[in-house]
Structure formats: structure tokens, C-alpha cells
Amino acid sequence: LAAQYLLRKKPGVSILNYIREVEFDTLLFFLGVLLLV
């Protein structure tokens, strides 16, 4: 919500895009490991 207001003057920039930069390899690894365990 804060980023929606702070970045309002920067068209095309969405804070949600930064979720894509999360290390999903790490998250998927934990998912697989815990399924195995």
C-alpha cells in the first residue's frame, strides 16, 4: 500500500513485480525437502 502511493509518479513500476525476484529456487527446495521428510 505504501509503495502504491510512493511510486505513483513512476508509470509502469509495480511493487508486485519484486515478488518475481524472490529466490523461488530456495522456496521450492524447502517444499520438496519437507515433502520427502
All heavy atoms as atom14 arrays in JSON, in Angstrom:
{
  "sequence": "LAAQYLLRKKPGVSILNYIREVEFDTLLFFLGVLLLV",
  "atom14_mask": [
    [1, 1, 1, 1, 1, 1, 1, 1, 0, 0, 0, 0, 0, 0],
    [1, 1, 1, 1, 1, 0, 0, 0, 0, 0, 0, 0, 0, 0],
    [1, 1, 1, 1, 1, 0, 0, 0, 0, 0, 0, 0, 0, 0],
    [1, 1, 1, 1, 1, 1, 1, 1, 1, 0, 0, 0, 0, 0],
    [1, 1, 1, 1, 1, 1, 1, 1, 1, 1, 1, 1, 0, 0],
    [1, 1, 1, 1, 1, 1, 1, 1, 0, 0, 0, 0, 0, 0],
    [1, 1, 1, 1, 1, 1, 1, 1, 0, 0, 0, 0, 0, 0],
    [1, 1, 1, 1, 1, 1, 1, 1, 1, 1, 1, 0, 0, 0],
    [1, 1, 1, 1, 1, 1, 1, 1, 1, 0, 0, 0, 0, 0],
    [1, 1, 1, 1, 1, 1, 1, 1, 1, 0, 0, 0, 0, 0],
    [1, 1, 1, 1, 1, 1, 1, 0, 0, 0, 0, 0, 0, 0],
    [1, 1, 1, 1, 0, 0, 0, 0, 0, 0, 0, 0, 0, 0],
    [1, 1, 1, 1, 1, 1, 1, 0, 0, 0, 0, 0, 0, 0],
    [1, 1, 1, 1, 1, 1, 0, 0, 0, 0, 0, 0, 0, 0],
    [1, 1, 1, 1, 1, 1, 1, 1, 0, 0, 0, 0, 0, 0],
    [1, 1, 1, 1, 1, 1, 1, 1, 0, 0, 0, 0, 0, 0],
    [1, 1, 1, 1, 1, 1, 1, 1, 0, 0, 0, 0, 0, 0],
    [1, 1, 1, 1, 1, 1, 1, 1, 1, 1, 1, 1, 0, 0],
    [1, 1, 1, 1, 1, 1, 1, 1, 0, 0, 0, 0, 0, 0],
    [1, 1, 1, 1, 1, 1, 1, 1, 1, 1, 1, 0, 0, 0],
    [1, 1, 1, 1, 1, 1, 1, 1, 1, 0, 0, 0, 0, 0],
    [1, 1, 1, 1, 1, 1, 1, 0, 0, 0, 0, 0, 0, 0],
    [1, 1, 1, 1, 1, 1, 1, 1, 1, 0, 0, 0, 0, 0],
    [1, 1, 1, 1, 1, 1, 1, 1, 1, 1, 1, 0, 0, 0],
    [1, 1, 1, 1, 1, 1, 1, 1, 0, 0, 0, 0, 0, 0],
    [1, 1, 1, 1, 1, 1, 1, 0, 0, 0, 0, 0, 0, 0],
    [1, 1, 1, 1, 1, 1, 1, 1, 0, 0, 0, 0, 0, 0],
    [1, 1, 1, 1, 1, 1, 1, 1, 0, 0, 0, 0, 0, 0],
    [1, 1, 1, 1, 1, 1, 1, 1, 1, 1, 1, 0, 0, 0],
    [1, 1, 1, 1, 1, 1, 1, 1, 1, 1, 1, 0, 0, 0],
    [1, 1, 1, 1, 1, 1, 1, 1, 0, 0, 0, 0, 0, 0],
    [1, 1, 1, 1, 0, 0, 0, 0, 0, 0, 0, 0, 0, 0],
    [1, 1, 1, 1, 1, 1, 1, 0, 0, 0, 0, 0, 0, 0],
    [1, 1, 1, 1, 1, 1, 1, 1, 0, 0, 0, 0, 0, 0],
    [1, 1, 1, 1, 1, 1, 1, 1, 0, 0, 0, 0, 0, 0],
    [1, 1, 1, 1, 1, 1, 1, 1, 0, 0, 0, 0, 0, 0],
    [1, 1, 1, 1, 1, 1, 1, 0, 0, 0, 0, 0, 0, 0]
  ],
  "atom14_positions": [
    [[0.83, -1.21, 0.0], [0.0, 0.0, 0.0], [0.86, 1.26, 0.0], [0.56, 2.23, -0.71], [-0.92, 0.0, 1.22], [-2.03, -1.07, 1.22], [-2.77, -1.07, 2.55], [-3.0, -0.84, 0.06], [0.0, 0.0, 0.0], [0.0, 0.0, 0.0], [0.0, 0.0, 0.0], [0.0, 0.0, 0.0], [0.0, 0.0, 0.0], [0.0, 0.0, 0.0]],
    [[1.94, 1.24, 0.8], [2.83, 2.4, 0.85], [3.5, 2.61, -0.5], [3.62, 3.75, -0.98], [3.88, 2.19, 1.94], [0.0, 0.0, 0.0], [0.0, 0.0, 0.0], [0.0, 0.0, 0.0], [0.0, 0.0, 0.0], [0.0, 0.0, 0.0], [0.0, 0.0, 0.0], [0.0, 0.0, 0.0], [0.0, 0.0, 0.0], [0.0, 0.0, 0.0]],
    [[3.95, 1.52, -1.13], [4.62, 1.63, -2.43], [3.66, 2.13, -3.5], [4.07, 2.85, -4.42], [5.2, 0.28, -2.82], [0.0, 0.0, 0.0], [0.0, 0.0, 0.0], [0.0, 0.0, 0.0], [0.0, 0.0, 0.0], [0.0, 0.0, 0.0], [0.0, 0.0, 0.0], [0.0, 0.0, 0.0], [0.0, 0.0, 0.0], [0.0, 0.0, 0.0]],
    [[2.39, 1.75, -3.39], [1.39, 2.22, -4.36], [1.33, 3.74, -4.38], [1.21, 4.37, -5.43], [0.02, 1.65, -3.99], [-1.12, 2.04, -4.92], [-1.01, 1.38, -6.28], [-0.47, 0.29, -6.38], [-1.51, 2.04, -7.31], [0.0, 0.0, 0.0], [0.0, 0.0, 0.0], [0.0, 0.0, 0.0], [0.0, 0.0, 0.0], [0.0, 0.0, 0.0]],
    [[1.45, 4.34, -3.18], [1.43, 5.8, -3.08], [2.79, 6.4, -3.44], [2.88, 7.37, -4.19], [1.04, 6.21, -1.66], [1.13, 7.69, -1.41], [0.15, 8.57, -1.88], [2.23, 8.23, -0.72], [0.25, 9.94, -1.65], [2.33, 9.58, -0.48], [1.35, 10.43, -0.96], [1.45, 11.78, -0.74], [0.0, 0.0, 0.0], [0.0, 0.0, 0.0]],
    [[3.86, 5.83, -2.93], [5.2, 6.38, -3.12], [5.67, 6.32, -4.57], [6.42, 7.19, -5.02], [6.2, 5.64, -2.22], [6.0, 5.79, -0.71], [6.89, 4.82, 0.05], [6.3, 7.24, -0.28], [0.0, 0.0, 0.0], [0.0, 0.0, 0.0], [0.0, 0.0, 0.0], [0.0, 0.0, 0.0], [0.0, 0.0, 0.0], [0.0, 0.0, 0.0]],
    [[5.23, 5.29, -5.28], [5.68, 5.1, -6.67], [4.63, 5.52, -7.69], [4.71, 5.16, -8.87], [6.04, 3.62, -6.89], [7.11, 3.04, -5.95], [7.32, 1.56, -6.23], [8.43, 3.79, -6.09], [0.0, 0.0, 0.0], [0.0, 0.0, 0.0], [0.0, 0.0, 0.0], [0.0, 0.0, 0.0], [0.0, 0.0, 0.0], [0.0, 0.0, 0.0]],
    [[3.65, 6.3, -7.24], [2.55, 6.68, -8.13], [3.01, 7.53, -9.3], [2.35, 7.56, -10.36], [1.48, 7.42, -7.33], [1.91, 8.79, -6.79], [0.9, 9.36, -5.82], [1.24, 10.72, -5.39], [2.19, 10.99, -4.48], [2.87, 10.01, -3.93], [2.45, 12.25, -4.16], [0.0, 0.0, 0.0], [0.0, 0.0, 0.0], [0.0, 0.0, 0.0]],
    [[4.13, 8.26, -9.14], [4.62, 9.13, -10.22], [5.58, 8.41, -11.16], [6.18, 9.02, -12.04], [5.32, 10.35, -9.61], [4.38, 11.25, -8.81], [5.1, 12.47, -8.27], [4.16, 13.37, -7.46], [4.87, 14.56, -6.92], [0.0, 0.0, 0.0], [0.0, 0.0, 0.0], [0.0, 0.0, 0.0], [0.0, 0.0, 0.0], [0.0, 0.0, 0.0]],
    [[5.74, 7.11, -10.96], [6.61, 6.32, -11.83], [5.75, 5.31, -12.59], [5.52, 4.19, -12.13], [7.68, 5.59, -11.01], [8.63, 6.55, -10.3], [9.7, 5.79, -9.53], [10.66, 6.74, -8.84], [11.74, 6.02, -8.09], [0.0, 0.0, 0.0], [0.0, 0.0, 0.0], [0.0, 0.0, 0.0], [0.0, 0.0, 0.0], [0.0, 0.0, 0.0]],
    [[5.25, 5.7, -13.76], [4.37, 4.8, -14.52], [5.09, 3.51, -14.93], [6.27, 3.51, -15.26], [4.0, 5.65, -15.76], [5.1, 6.66, -15.87], [5.53, 6.96, -14.47], [0.0, 0.0, 0.0], [0.0, 0.0, 0.0], [0.0, 0.0, 0.0], [0.0, 0.0, 0.0], [0.0, 0.0, 0.0], [0.0, 0.0, 0.0], [0.0, 0.0, 0.0]],
    [[4.36, 2.43, -14.87], [4.93, 1.14, -15.27], [5.69, 0.42, -14.19], [6.13, -0.72, -14.38], [0.0, 0.0, 0.0], [0.0, 0.0, 0.0], [0.0, 0.0, 0.0], [0.0, 0.0, 0.0], [0.0, 0.0, 0.0], [0.0, 0.0, 0.0], [0.0, 0.0, 0.0], [0.0, 0.0, 0.0], [0.0, 0.0, 0.0], [0.0, 0.0, 0.0]],
    [[5.86, 1.07, -13.03], [6.58, 0.45, -11.92], [5.57, -0.11, -10.92], [4.74, 0.62, -10.4], [7.51, 1.47, -11.21], [8.19, 0.8, -10.02], [8.54, 2.01, -12.19], [0.0, 0.0, 0.0], [0.0, 0.0, 0.0], [0.0, 0.0, 0.0], [0.0, 0.0, 0.0], [0.0, 0.0, 0.0], [0.0, 0.0, 0.0], [0.0, 0.0, 0.0]],
    [[5.63, -1.4, -10.68], [4.72, -2.05, -9.74], [5.53, -2.78, -8.68], [6.45, -3.54, -9.0], [3.79, -3.03, -10.45], [3.02, -3.76, -9.51], [0.0, 0.0, 0.0], [0.0, 0.0, 0.0], [0.0, 0.0, 0.0], [0.0, 0.0, 0.0], [0.0, 0.0, 0.0], [0.0, 0.0, 0.0], [0.0, 0.0, 0.0], [0.0, 0.0, 0.0]],
    [[5.17, -2.55, -7.43], [5.87, -3.2, -6.33], [5.69, -4.7, -6.38], [6.55, -5.47, -5.92], [5.37, -2.63, -4.98], [6.28, -3.08, -3.82], [3.94, -3.05, -4.72], [7.65, -2.49, -3.84], [0.0, 0.0, 0.0], [0.0, 0.0, 0.0], [0.0, 0.0, 0.0], [0.0, 0.0, 0.0], [0.0, 0.0, 0.0], [0.0, 0.0, 0.0]],
    [[4.58, -5.17, -6.97], [4.33, -6.61, -7.05], [5.35, -7.32, -7.92], [5.56, -8.53, -7.78], [2.92, -6.86, -7.58], [1.76, -6.44, -6.67], [0.43, -6.62, -7.37], [1.78, -7.24, -5.37], [0.0, 0.0, 0.0], [0.0, 0.0, 0.0], [0.0, 0.0, 0.0], [0.0, 0.0, 0.0], [0.0, 0.0, 0.0], [0.0, 0.0, 0.0]],
    [[5.99, -6.57, -8.83], [6.99, -7.19, -9.7], [8.18, -7.74, -8.92], [8.88, -8.64, -9.4], [7.48, -6.18, -10.74], [6.41, -5.86, -11.78], [5.5, -6.66, -12.0], [6.5, -4.69, -12.38], [0.0, 0.0, 0.0], [0.0, 0.0, 0.0], [0.0, 0.0, 0.0], [0.0, 0.0, 0.0], [0.0, 0.0, 0.0], [0.0, 0.0, 0.0]],
    [[8.42, -7.17, -7.73], [9.59, -7.59, -6.96], [9.41, -8.96, -6.33], [10.38, -9.58, -5.87], [9.94, -6.54, -5.91], [10.45, -5.27, -6.53], [9.61, -4.19, -6.76], [11.77, -5.18, -6.97], [10.07, -3.03, -7.37], [12.24, -4.02, -7.57], [11.38, -2.95, -7.77], [11.85, -1.81, -8.4], [0.0, 0.0, 0.0], [0.0, 0.0, 0.0]],
    [[8.16, -9.45, -6.3], [7.94, -10.82, -5.83], [8.64, -11.8, -6.76], [9.12, -12.85, -6.34], [6.43, -11.12, -5.75], [5.76, -10.24, -4.69], [6.19, -12.59, -5.44], [4.28, -10.46, -4.54], [0.0, 0.0, 0.0], [0.0, 0.0, 0.0], [0.0, 0.0, 0.0], [0.0, 0.0, 0.0], [0.0, 0.0, 0.0], [0.0, 0.0, 0.0]],
    [[8.76, -11.42, -8.05], [9.42, -12.3, -9.02], [10.91, -12.44, -8.74], [11.54, -13.38, -9.22], [9.22, -11.75, -10.43], [7.75, -11.63, -10.85], [7.61, -10.91, -12.17], [6.2, -10.69, -12.51], [5.79, -9.93, -13.53], [6.7, -9.32, -14.28], [4.51, -9.78, -13.77], [0.0, 0.0, 0.0], [0.0, 0.0, 0.0], [0.0, 0.0, 0.0]],
    [[11.48, -11.49, -8.0], [12.91, -11.54, -7.72], [13.24, -12.36, -6.47], [14.4, -12.52, -6.12], [13.46, -10.11, -7.55], [13.32, -9.27, -8.81], [14.0, -7.92, -8.69], [14.9, -7.79, -7.84], [13.62, -7.01, -9.44], [0.0, 0.0, 0.0], [0.0, 0.0, 0.0], [0.0, 0.0, 0.0], [0.0, 0.0, 0.0], [0.0, 0.0, 0.0]],
    [[12.19, -12.87, -5.82], [12.42, -13.74, -4.67], [13.1, -15.02, -5.14], [12.84, -15.52, -6.23], [11.07, -14.08, -3.98], [11.23, -15.19, -2.97], [10.49, -12.83, -3.33], [0.0, 0.0, 0.0], [0.0, 0.0, 0.0], [0.0, 0.0, 0.0], [0.0, 0.0, 0.0], [0.0, 0.0, 0.0], [0.0, 0.0, 0.0], [0.0, 0.0, 0.0]],
    [[13.99, -15.57, -4.29], [14.7, -16.81, -4.63], [13.73, -17.99, -4.53], [13.7, -18.73, -3.55], [15.88, -17.01, -3.68], [16.97, -15.97, -3.81], [17.85, -16.23, -5.03], [17.77, -17.33, -5.58], [18.58, -15.31, -5.42], [0.0, 0.0, 0.0], [0.0, 0.0, 0.0], [0.0, 0.0, 0.0], [0.0, 0.0, 0.0], [0.0, 0.0, 0.0]],
    [[12.93, -18.18, -5.6], [11.94, -19.25, -5.56], [12.6, -20.63, -5.64], [11.99, -21.63, -5.26], [10.92, -19.08, -6.68], [9.83, -18.11, -6.33], [9.88, -16.8, -6.75], [8.76, -18.5, -5.53], [8.89, -15.9, -6.41], [7.77, -17.61, -5.18], [7.83, -16.31, -5.62], [0.0, 0.0, 0.0], [0.0, 0.0, 0.0], [0.0, 0.0, 0.0]],
    [[13.84, -20.69, -6.13], [14.58, -21.95, -6.07], [14.7, -22.43, -4.64], [14.54, -23.62, -4.33], [15.98, -21.78, -6.68], [15.96, -21.86, -8.19], [14.86, -22.05, -8.74], [17.02, -21.72, -8.82], [0.0, 0.0, 0.0], [0.0, 0.0, 0.0], [0.0, 0.0, 0.0], [0.0, 0.0, 0.0], [0.0, 0.0, 0.0], [0.0, 0.0, 0.0]],
    [[14.98, -21.48, -3.74], [15.11, -21.81, -2.32], [13.77, -22.29, -1.76], [13.7, -23.3, -1.04], [15.59, -20.59, -1.53], [16.84, -20.14, -2.07], [15.77, -20.92, -0.05], [0.0, 0.0, 0.0], [0.0, 0.0, 0.0], [0.0, 0.0, 0.0], [0.0, 0.0, 0.0], [0.0, 0.0, 0.0], [0.0, 0.0, 0.0], [0.0, 0.0, 0.0]],
    [[12.69, -21.59, -2.09], [11.37, -21.96, -1.59], [10.94, -23.32, -2.11], [10.39, -24.14, -1.37], [10.35, -20.89, -1.98], [10.54, -19.51, -1.33], [9.51, -18.53, -1.86], [10.44, -19.6, 0.18], [0.0, 0.0, 0.0], [0.0, 0.0, 0.0], [0.0, 0.0, 0.0], [0.0, 0.0, 0.0], [0.0, 0.0, 0.0], [0.0, 0.0, 0.0]],
    [[11.2, -23.58, -3.39], [10.84, -24.87, -3.97], [11.67, -26.0, -3.37], [11.2, -27.12, -3.21], [11.0, -24.83, -5.49], [9.99, -23.97, -6.25], [10.36, -23.87, -7.72], [8.57, -24.54, -6.1], [0.0, 0.0, 0.0], [0.0, 0.0, 0.0], [0.0, 0.0, 0.0], [0.0, 0.0, 0.0], [0.0, 0.0, 0.0], [0.0, 0.0, 0.0]],
    [[12.92, -25.69, -3.05], [13.78, -26.69, -2.41], [13.21, -27.09, -1.05], [13.1, -28.28, -0.73], [15.19, -26.14, -2.25], [16.08, -26.97, -1.37], [16.42, -28.26, -1.73], [16.58, -26.45, -0.18], [17.25, -29.03, -0.9], [17.4, -27.21, 0.63], [17.73, -28.51, 0.27], [0.0, 0.0, 0.0], [0.0, 0.0, 0.0], [0.0, 0.0, 0.0]],
    [[12.82, -26.1, -0.26], [12.24, -26.4, 1.05], [10.94, -27.19, 0.89], [10.67, -28.12, 1.66], [11.97, -25.12, 1.83], [13.23, -24.41, 2.23], [13.32, -23.03, 2.16], [14.33, -25.11, 2.68], [14.48, -22.37, 2.53], [15.49, -24.47, 3.06], [15.57, -23.09, 2.98], [0.0, 0.0, 0.0], [0.0, 0.0, 0.0], [0.0, 0.0, 0.0]],
    [[10.14, -26.84, -0.11], [8.89, -27.57, -0.36], [9.18, -29.03, -0.64], [8.57, -29.93, -0.04], [8.16, -26.94, -1.55], [6.96, -27.71, -2.11], [5.89, -27.89, -1.04], [6.39, -27.0, -3.33], [0.0, 0.0, 0.0], [0.0, 0.0, 0.0], [0.0, 0.0, 0.0], [0.0, 0.0, 0.0], [0.0, 0.0, 0.0], [0.0, 0.0, 0.0]],
    [[10.13, -29.3, -1.54], [10.46, -30.67, -1.89], [11.04, -31.44, -0.72], [10.68, -32.6, -0.48], [0.0, 0.0, 0.0], [0.0, 0.0, 0.0], [0.0, 0.0, 0.0], [0.0, 0.0, 0.0], [0.0, 0.0, 0.0], [0.0, 0.0, 0.0], [0.0, 0.0, 0.0], [0.0, 0.0, 0.0], [0.0, 0.0, 0.0], [0.0, 0.0, 0.0]],
    [[11.94, -30.79, 0.03], [12.57, -31.46, 1.17], [11.54, -31.84, 2.22], [11.54, -32.97, 2.76], [13.65, -30.55, 1.79], [14.04, -31.05, 3.18], [14.88, -30.51, 0.91], [0.0, 0.0, 0.0], [0.0, 0.0, 0.0], [0.0, 0.0, 0.0], [0.0, 0.0, 0.0], [0.0, 0.0, 0.0], [0.0, 0.0, 0.0], [0.0, 0.0, 0.0]],
    [[10.64, -30.93, 2.54], [9.65, -31.21, 3.57], [8.64, -32.25, 3.12], [8.1, -33.01, 3.94], [8.95, -29.91, 3.99], [9.86, -28.9, 4.71], [9.12, -27.6, 4.97], [10.39, -29.48, 6.01], [0.0, 0.0, 0.0], [0.0, 0.0, 0.0], [0.0, 0.0, 0.0], [0.0, 0.0, 0.0], [0.0, 0.0, 0.0], [0.0, 0.0, 0.0]],
    [[8.37, -32.33, 1.82], [7.54, -33.41, 1.3], [8.24, -34.76, 1.48], [7.62, -35.77, 1.85], [7.21, -33.18, -0.18], [6.16, -32.12, -0.5], [6.07, -31.89, -2.0], [4.79, -32.54, 0.05], [0.0, 0.0, 0.0], [0.0, 0.0, 0.0], [0.0, 0.0, 0.0], [0.0, 0.0, 0.0], [0.0, 0.0, 0.0], [0.0, 0.0, 0.0]],
    [[9.55, -34.79, 1.22], [10.32, -36.01, 1.39], [10.35, -36.45, 2.85], [10.14, -37.63, 3.18], [11.76, -35.82, 0.89], [11.95, -35.75, -0.63], [13.37, -35.3, -0.97], [11.66, -37.1, -1.27], [0.0, 0.0, 0.0], [0.0, 0.0, 0.0], [0.0, 0.0, 0.0], [0.0, 0.0, 0.0], [0.0, 0.0, 0.0], [0.0, 0.0, 0.0]],
    [[10.61, -35.49, 3.74], [10.66, -35.82, 5.16], [9.28, -36.25, 5.66], [9.16, -37.16, 6.49], [11.18, -34.61, 5.97], [11.09, -34.88, 7.46], [12.62, -34.3, 5.59], [0.0, 0.0, 0.0], [0.0, 0.0, 0.0], [0.0, 0.0, 0.0], [0.0, 0.0, 0.0], [0.0, 0.0, 0.0], [0.0, 0.0, 0.0], [0.0, 0.0, 0.0]]
  ]
}
